[in-house]
Amino acid sequence: ERTLRGVVWSLLLAGSCLGALSVFQ
């Protein structure tokens, strides 16, 4: 479960980075 929760935060970080870049553009 620890690895799984870390993966979820990796995915959320990916989504937030891409979303922030789209907003900036």
PDB file of all heavy atoms in Angstrom:
ATOM      1  N   GLU A   1       0.813  -1.211   0.000  1.00  0.00           N
ATOM      2  CA  GLU A   1       0.000   0.000   0.000  1.00  0.00           C
ATOM      3  C   GLU A   1       0.848   1.263   0.000  1.00  0.00           C
ATOM      4  O   GLU A   1       0.459   2.277  -0.584  1.00  0.00           O
ATOM      5  CB  GLU A   1      -0.944  -0.016   1.209  1.00  0.00           C
ATOM      6  CG  GLU A   1      -2.030   1.024   1.136  1.00  0.00           C
ATOM      7  CD  GLU A   1      -3.103   0.833   2.196  1.00  0.00           C
ATOM      8  OE1 GLU A   1      -3.313  -0.306   2.647  1.00  0.00           O
ATOM      9  OE2 GLU A   1      -3.723   1.849   2.565  1.00  0.00           O
ATOM     10  N   ARG A   2       2.005   1.210   0.634  1.00  0.00           N
ATOM     11  CA  ARG A   2       2.874   2.391   0.652  1.00  0.00           C
ATOM     12  C   ARG A   2       3.339   2.734  -0.763  1.00  0.00           C
ATOM     13  O   ARG A   2       3.313   3.906  -1.169  1.00  0.00           O
ATOM     14  CB  ARG A   2       4.084   2.130   1.555  1.00  0.00           C
ATOM     15  CG  ARG A   2       5.075   3.289   1.598  1.00  0.00           C
ATOM     16  CD  ARG A   2       6.159   3.013   2.632  1.00  0.00           C
ATOM     17  NE  ARG A   2       7.161   4.063   2.629  1.00  0.00           N
ATOM     18  CZ  ARG A   2       8.256   4.058   1.886  1.00  0.00           C
ATOM     19  NH1 ARG A   2       8.493   3.036   1.072  1.00  0.00           N
ATOM     20  NH2 ARG A   2       9.119   5.043   1.931  1.00  0.00           N
ATOM     21  N   THR A   3       3.761   1.730  -1.503  1.00  0.00           N
ATOM     22  CA  THR A   3       4.177   1.963  -2.890  1.00  0.00           C
ATOM     23  C   THR A   3       3.004   2.465  -3.727  1.00  0.00           C
ATOM     24  O   THR A   3       3.158   3.372  -4.549  1.00  0.00           O
ATOM     25  CB  THR A   3       4.725   0.668  -3.511  1.00  0.00           C
ATOM     26  OG1 THR A   3       5.739   0.128  -2.658  1.00  0.00           O
ATOM     27  CG2 THR A   3       5.313   0.925  -4.883  1.00  0.00           C
ATOM     28  N   LEU A   4       1.837   1.881  -3.507  1.00  0.00           N
ATOM     29  CA  LEU A   4       0.650   2.278  -4.250  1.00  0.00           C
ATOM     30  C   LEU A   4       0.305   3.743  -4.012  1.00  0.00           C
ATOM     31  O   LEU A   4       0.007   4.486  -4.953  1.00  0.00           O
ATOM     32  CB  LEU A   4      -0.529   1.379  -3.865  1.00  0.00           C
ATOM     33  CG  LEU A   4      -1.850   1.631  -4.587  1.00  0.00           C
ATOM     34  CD1 LEU A   4      -1.721   1.327  -6.072  1.00  0.00           C
ATOM     35  CD2 LEU A   4      -2.963   0.780  -3.960  1.00  0.00           C
ATOM     36  N   ARG A   5       0.351   4.169  -2.760  1.00  0.00           N
ATOM     37  CA  ARG A   5       0.034   5.572  -2.456  1.00  0.00           C
ATOM     38  C   ARG A   5       1.084   6.506  -3.056  1.00  0.00           C
ATOM     39  O   ARG A   5       0.758   7.604  -3.519  1.00  0.00           O
ATOM     40  CB  ARG A   5      -0.072   5.773  -0.944  1.00  0.00           C
ATOM     41  CG  ARG A   5      -1.272   5.077  -0.332  1.00  0.00           C
ATOM     42  CD  ARG A   5      -1.502   5.435   1.114  1.00  0.00           C
ATOM     43  NE  ARG A   5      -2.652   4.732   1.641  1.00  0.00           N
ATOM     44  CZ  ARG A   5      -3.920   5.121   1.464  1.00  0.00           C
ATOM     45  NH1 ARG A   5      -4.173   6.212   0.769  1.00  0.00           N
ATOM     46  NH2 ARG A   5      -4.915   4.421   1.976  1.00  0.00           N
ATOM     47  N   GLY A   6       2.340   6.073  -3.066  1.00  0.00           N
ATOM     48  CA  GLY A   6       3.368   6.867  -3.706  1.00  0.00           C
ATOM     49  C   GLY A   6       3.125   7.013  -5.196  1.00  0.00           C
ATOM     50  O   GLY A   6       3.359   8.077  -5.778  1.00  0.00           O
ATOM     51  N   VAL A   7       2.630   5.940  -5.820  1.00  0.00           N
ATOM     52  CA  VAL A   7       2.303   5.981  -7.249  1.00  0.00           C
ATOM     53  C   VAL A   7       1.180   6.978  -7.514  1.00  0.00           C
ATOM     54  O   VAL A   7       1.219   7.733  -8.491  1.00  0.00           O
ATOM     55  CB  VAL A   7       1.909   4.573  -7.750  1.00  0.00           C
ATOM     56  CG1 VAL A   7       1.175   4.654  -9.079  1.00  0.00           C
ATOM     57  CG2 VAL A   7       3.145   3.702  -7.901  1.00  0.00           C
ATOM     58  N   VAL A   8       0.176   6.986  -6.632  1.00  0.00           N
ATOM     59  CA  VAL A   8      -0.935   7.935  -6.800  1.00  0.00           C
ATOM     60  C   VAL A   8      -0.419   9.367  -6.767  1.00  0.00           C
ATOM     61  O   VAL A   8      -0.798  10.204  -7.604  1.00  0.00           O
ATOM     62  CB  VAL A   8      -1.992   7.719  -5.706  1.00  0.00           C
ATOM     63  CG1 VAL A   8      -3.038   8.845  -5.736  1.00  0.00           C
ATOM     64  CG2 VAL A   8      -2.685   6.376  -5.890  1.00  0.00           C
ATOM     65  N   TRP A   9       0.485   9.666  -5.844  1.00  0.00           N
ATOM     66  CA  TRP A   9       1.034  11.018  -5.775  1.00  0.00           C
ATOM     67  C   TRP A   9       1.929  11.312  -6.978  1.00  0.00           C
ATOM     68  O   TRP A   9       2.003  12.460  -7.441  1.00  0.00           O
ATOM     69  CB  TRP A   9       1.786  11.224  -4.462  1.00  0.00           C
ATOM     70  CG  TRP A   9       0.841  11.435  -3.312  1.00  0.00           C
ATOM     71  CD1 TRP A   9       0.493  10.542  -2.353  1.00  0.00           C
ATOM     72  CD2 TRP A   9       0.089  12.627  -3.048  1.00  0.00           C
ATOM     73  NE1 TRP A   9      -0.422  11.092  -1.497  1.00  0.00           N
ATOM     74  CE2 TRP A   9      -0.682  12.376  -1.889  1.00  0.00           C
ATOM     75  CE3 TRP A   9       0.001  13.867  -3.665  1.00  0.00           C
ATOM     76  CZ2 TRP A   9      -1.542  13.331  -1.356  1.00  0.00           C
ATOM     77  CZ3 TRP A   9      -0.850  14.822  -3.124  1.00  0.00           C
ATOM     78  CH2 TRP A   9      -1.605  14.556  -1.981  1.00  0.00           C
ATOM     79  N   SER A  10       2.593  10.291  -7.515  1.00  0.00           N
ATOM     80  CA  SER A  10       3.368  10.489  -8.749  1.00  0.00           C
ATOM     81  C   SER A  10       2.448  10.879  -9.899  1.00  0.00           C
ATOM     82  O   SER A  10       2.768  11.771 -10.698  1.00  0.00           O
ATOM     83  CB  SER A  10       4.135   9.210  -9.108  1.00  0.00           C
ATOM     84  OG  SER A  10       5.128   8.921  -8.156  1.00  0.00           O
ATOM     85  N   LEU A  11       1.302  10.205  -9.984  1.00  0.00           N
ATOM     86  CA  LEU A  11       0.333  10.521 -11.033  1.00  0.00           C
ATOM     87  C   LEU A  11      -0.252  11.916 -10.851  1.00  0.00           C
ATOM     88  O   LEU A  11      -0.405  12.675 -11.815  1.00  0.00           O
ATOM     89  CB  LEU A  11      -0.787   9.483 -11.037  1.00  0.00           C
ATOM     90  CG  LEU A  11      -0.400   8.073 -11.479  1.00  0.00           C
ATOM     91  CD1 LEU A  11      -1.541   7.090 -11.207  1.00  0.00           C
ATOM     92  CD2 LEU A  11      -0.033   8.044 -12.961  1.00  0.00           C
ATOM     93  N   LEU A  12      -0.585  12.265  -9.608  1.00  0.00           N
ATOM     94  CA  LEU A  12      -1.133  13.599  -9.351  1.00  0.00           C
ATOM     95  C   LEU A  12      -0.100  14.680  -9.637  1.00  0.00           C
ATOM     96  O   LEU A  12      -0.446  15.763 -10.134  1.00  0.00           O
ATOM     97  CB  LEU A  12      -1.622  13.697  -7.904  1.00  0.00           C
ATOM     98  CG  LEU A  12      -2.811  12.792  -7.537  1.00  0.00           C
ATOM     99  CD1 LEU A  12      -3.226  13.025  -6.094  1.00  0.00           C
ATOM    100  CD2 LEU A  12      -3.985  13.041  -8.475  1.00  0.00           C
ATOM    101  N   LEU A  13       1.164  14.389  -9.331  1.00  0.00           N
ATOM    102  CA  LEU A  13       2.226  15.349  -9.654  1.00  0.00           C
ATOM    103  C   LEU A  13       2.347  15.515 -11.171  1.00  0.00           C
ATOM    104  O   LEU A  13       2.506  16.640 -11.674  1.00  0.00           O
ATOM    105  CB  LEU A  13       3.554  14.875  -9.061  1.00  0.00           C
ATOM    106  CG  LEU A  13       4.773  15.765  -9.345  1.00  0.00           C
ATOM    107  CD1 LEU A  13       4.569  17.160  -8.751  1.00  0.00           C
ATOM    108  CD2 LEU A  13       6.044  15.115  -8.785  1.00  0.00           C
ATOM    109  N   ALA A  14       2.252  14.408 -11.898  1.00  0.00           N
ATOM    110  CA  ALA A  14       2.308  14.479 -13.361  1.00  0.00           C
ATOM    111  C   ALA A  14       1.163  15.315 -13.907  1.00  0.00           C
ATOM    112  O   ALA A  14       1.349  16.189 -14.768  1.00  0.00           O
ATOM    113  CB  ALA A  14       2.276  13.069 -13.953  1.00  0.00           C
ATOM    114  N   GLY A  15      -0.047  15.067 -13.413  1.00  0.00           N
ATOM    115  CA  GLY A  15      -1.204  15.820 -13.865  1.00  0.00           C
ATOM    116  C   GLY A  15      -1.103  17.299 -13.537  1.00  0.00           C
ATOM    117  O   GLY A  15      -1.458  18.152 -14.362  1.00  0.00           O
ATOM    118  N   SER A  16      -0.614  17.615 -12.346  1.00  0.00           N
ATOM    119  CA  SER A  16      -0.505  19.021 -11.956  1.00  0.00           C
ATOM    120  C   SER A  16       0.569  19.735 -12.761  1.00  0.00           C
ATOM    121  O   SER A  16       0.397  20.899 -13.141  1.00  0.00           O
ATOM    122  CB  SER A  16      -0.215  19.140 -10.451  1.00  0.00           C
ATOM    123  OG  SER A  16       0.985  18.479 -10.116  1.00  0.00           O
ATOM    124  N   CYS A  17       1.687  19.064 -13.050  1.00  0.00           N
ATOM    125  CA  CYS A  17       2.743  19.680 -13.868  1.00  0.00           C
ATOM    126  C   CYS A  17       2.254  19.970 -15.278  1.00  0.00           C
ATOM    127  O   CYS A  17       2.457  21.075 -15.814  1.00  0.00           O
ATOM    128  CB  CYS A  17       3.972  18.774 -13.917  1.00  0.00           C
ATOM    129  SG  CYS A  17       4.899  18.686 -12.365  1.00  0.00           S
ATOM    130  N   LEU A  18       1.592  18.986 -15.888  1.00  0.00           N
ATOM    131  CA  LEU A  18       1.073  19.183 -17.240  1.00  0.00           C
ATOM    132  C   LEU A  18      -0.021  20.244 -17.255  1.00  0.00           C
ATOM    133  O   LEU A  18      -0.081  21.090 -18.159  1.00  0.00           O
ATOM    134  CB  LEU A  18       0.547  17.860 -17.798  1.00  0.00           C
ATOM    135  CG  LEU A  18       1.590  16.767 -18.041  1.00  0.00           C
ATOM    136  CD1 LEU A  18       0.910  15.470 -18.478  1.00  0.00           C
ATOM    137  CD2 LEU A  18       2.613  17.200 -19.085  1.00  0.00           C
ATOM    138  N   GLY A  19      -0.906  20.197 -16.259  1.00  0.00           N
ATOM    139  CA  GLY A  19      -1.975  21.183 -16.182  1.00  0.00           C
ATOM    140  C   GLY A  19      -1.443  22.587 -15.984  1.00  0.00           C
ATOM    141  O   GLY A  19      -1.915  23.538 -16.624  1.00  0.00           O
ATOM    142  N   ALA A  20      -0.453  22.745 -15.107  1.00  0.00           N
ATOM    143  CA  ALA A  20       0.132  24.060 -14.863  1.00  0.00           C
ATOM    144  C   ALA A  20       0.792  24.605 -16.121  1.00  0.00           C
ATOM    145  O   ALA A  20       0.688  25.806 -16.428  1.00  0.00           O
ATOM    146  CB  ALA A  20       1.146  23.972 -13.720  1.00  0.00           C
ATOM    147  N   LEU A  21       1.457  23.739 -16.868  1.00  0.00           N
ATOM    148  CA  LEU A  21       2.106  24.180 -18.103  1.00  0.00           C
ATOM    149  C   LEU A  21       1.061  24.611 -19.133  1.00  0.00           C
ATOM    150  O   LEU A  21       1.251  25.613 -19.846  1.00  0.00           O
ATOM    151  CB  LEU A  21       2.970  23.051 -18.657  1.00  0.00           C
ATOM    152  CG  LEU A  21       3.959  23.411 -19.770  1.00  0.00           C
ATOM    153  CD1 LEU A  21       4.860  24.554 -19.353  1.00  0.00           C
ATOM    154  CD2 LEU A  21       4.784  22.190 -20.153  1.00  0.00           C
ATOM    155  N   SER A  22      -0.047  23.880 -19.211  1.00  0.00           N
ATOM    156  CA  SER A  22      -1.120  24.259 -20.131  1.00  0.00           C
ATOM    157  C   SER A  22      -1.723  25.603 -19.736  1.00  0.00           C
ATOM    158  O   SER A  22      -2.011  26.449 -20.594  1.00  0.00           O
ATOM    159  CB  SER A  22      -2.215  23.182 -20.143  1.00  0.00           C
ATOM    160  OG  SER A  22      -1.756  21.991 -20.740  1.00  0.00           O
ATOM    161  N   VAL A  23      -1.938  25.808 -18.442  1.00  0.00           N
ATOM    162  CA  VAL A  23      -2.493  27.074 -17.963  1.00  0.00           C
ATOM    163  C   VAL A  23      -1.548  28.223 -18.295  1.00  0.00           C
ATOM    164  O   VAL A  23      -1.981  29.293 -18.759  1.00  0.00           O
ATOM    165  CB  VAL A  23      -2.763  27.011 -16.444  1.00  0.00           C
ATOM    166  CG1 VAL A  23      -3.113  28.388 -15.901  1.00  0.00           C
ATOM    167  CG2 VAL A  23      -3.883  26.021 -16.144  1.00  0.00           C
ATOM    168  N   PHE A  24      -0.266  28.024 -18.073  1.00  0.00           N
ATOM    169  CA  PHE A  24       0.713  29.071 -18.364  1.00  0.00           C
ATOM    170  C   PHE A  24       0.738  29.399 -19.850  1.00  0.00           C
ATOM    171  O   PHE A  24       0.762  30.574 -20.247  1.00  0.00           O
ATOM    172  CB  PHE A  24       2.101  28.625 -17.899  1.00  0.00           C
ATOM    173  CG  PHE A  24       3.174  29.660 -18.124  1.00  0.00           C
ATOM    174  CD1 PHE A  24       3.320  30.723 -17.257  1.00  0.00           C
ATOM    175  CD2 PHE A  24       4.025  29.573 -19.228  1.00  0.00           C
ATOM    176  CE1 PHE A  24       4.296  31.694 -17.470  1.00  0.00           C
ATOM    177  CE2 PHE A  24       4.994  30.525 -19.453  1.00  0.00           C
ATOM    178  CZ  PHE A  24       5.133  31.593 -18.565  1.00  0.00           C
ATOM    179  N   GLN A  25       0.711  28.366 -20.691  1.00  0.00           N
ATOM    180  CA  GLN A  25       0.723  28.589 -22.133  1.00  0.00           C
ATOM    181  C   GLN A  25      -0.538  29.333 -22.576  1.00  0.00           C
ATOM    182  O   GLN A  25      -0.473  30.239 -23.423  1.00  0.00           O
ATOM    183  CB  GLN A  25       0.829  27.246 -22.865  1.00  0.00           C
ATOM    184  CG  GLN A  25       1.002  27.366 -24.371  1.00  0.00           C
ATOM    185  CD  GLN A  25       1.015  26.003 -25.052  1.00  0.00           C
ATOM    186  OE1 GLN A  25       0.161  25.162 -24.782  1.00  0.00           O
ATOM    187  NE2 GLN A  25       1.979  25.782 -25.925  1.00  0.00           N
TER     188      GLN A  25
END
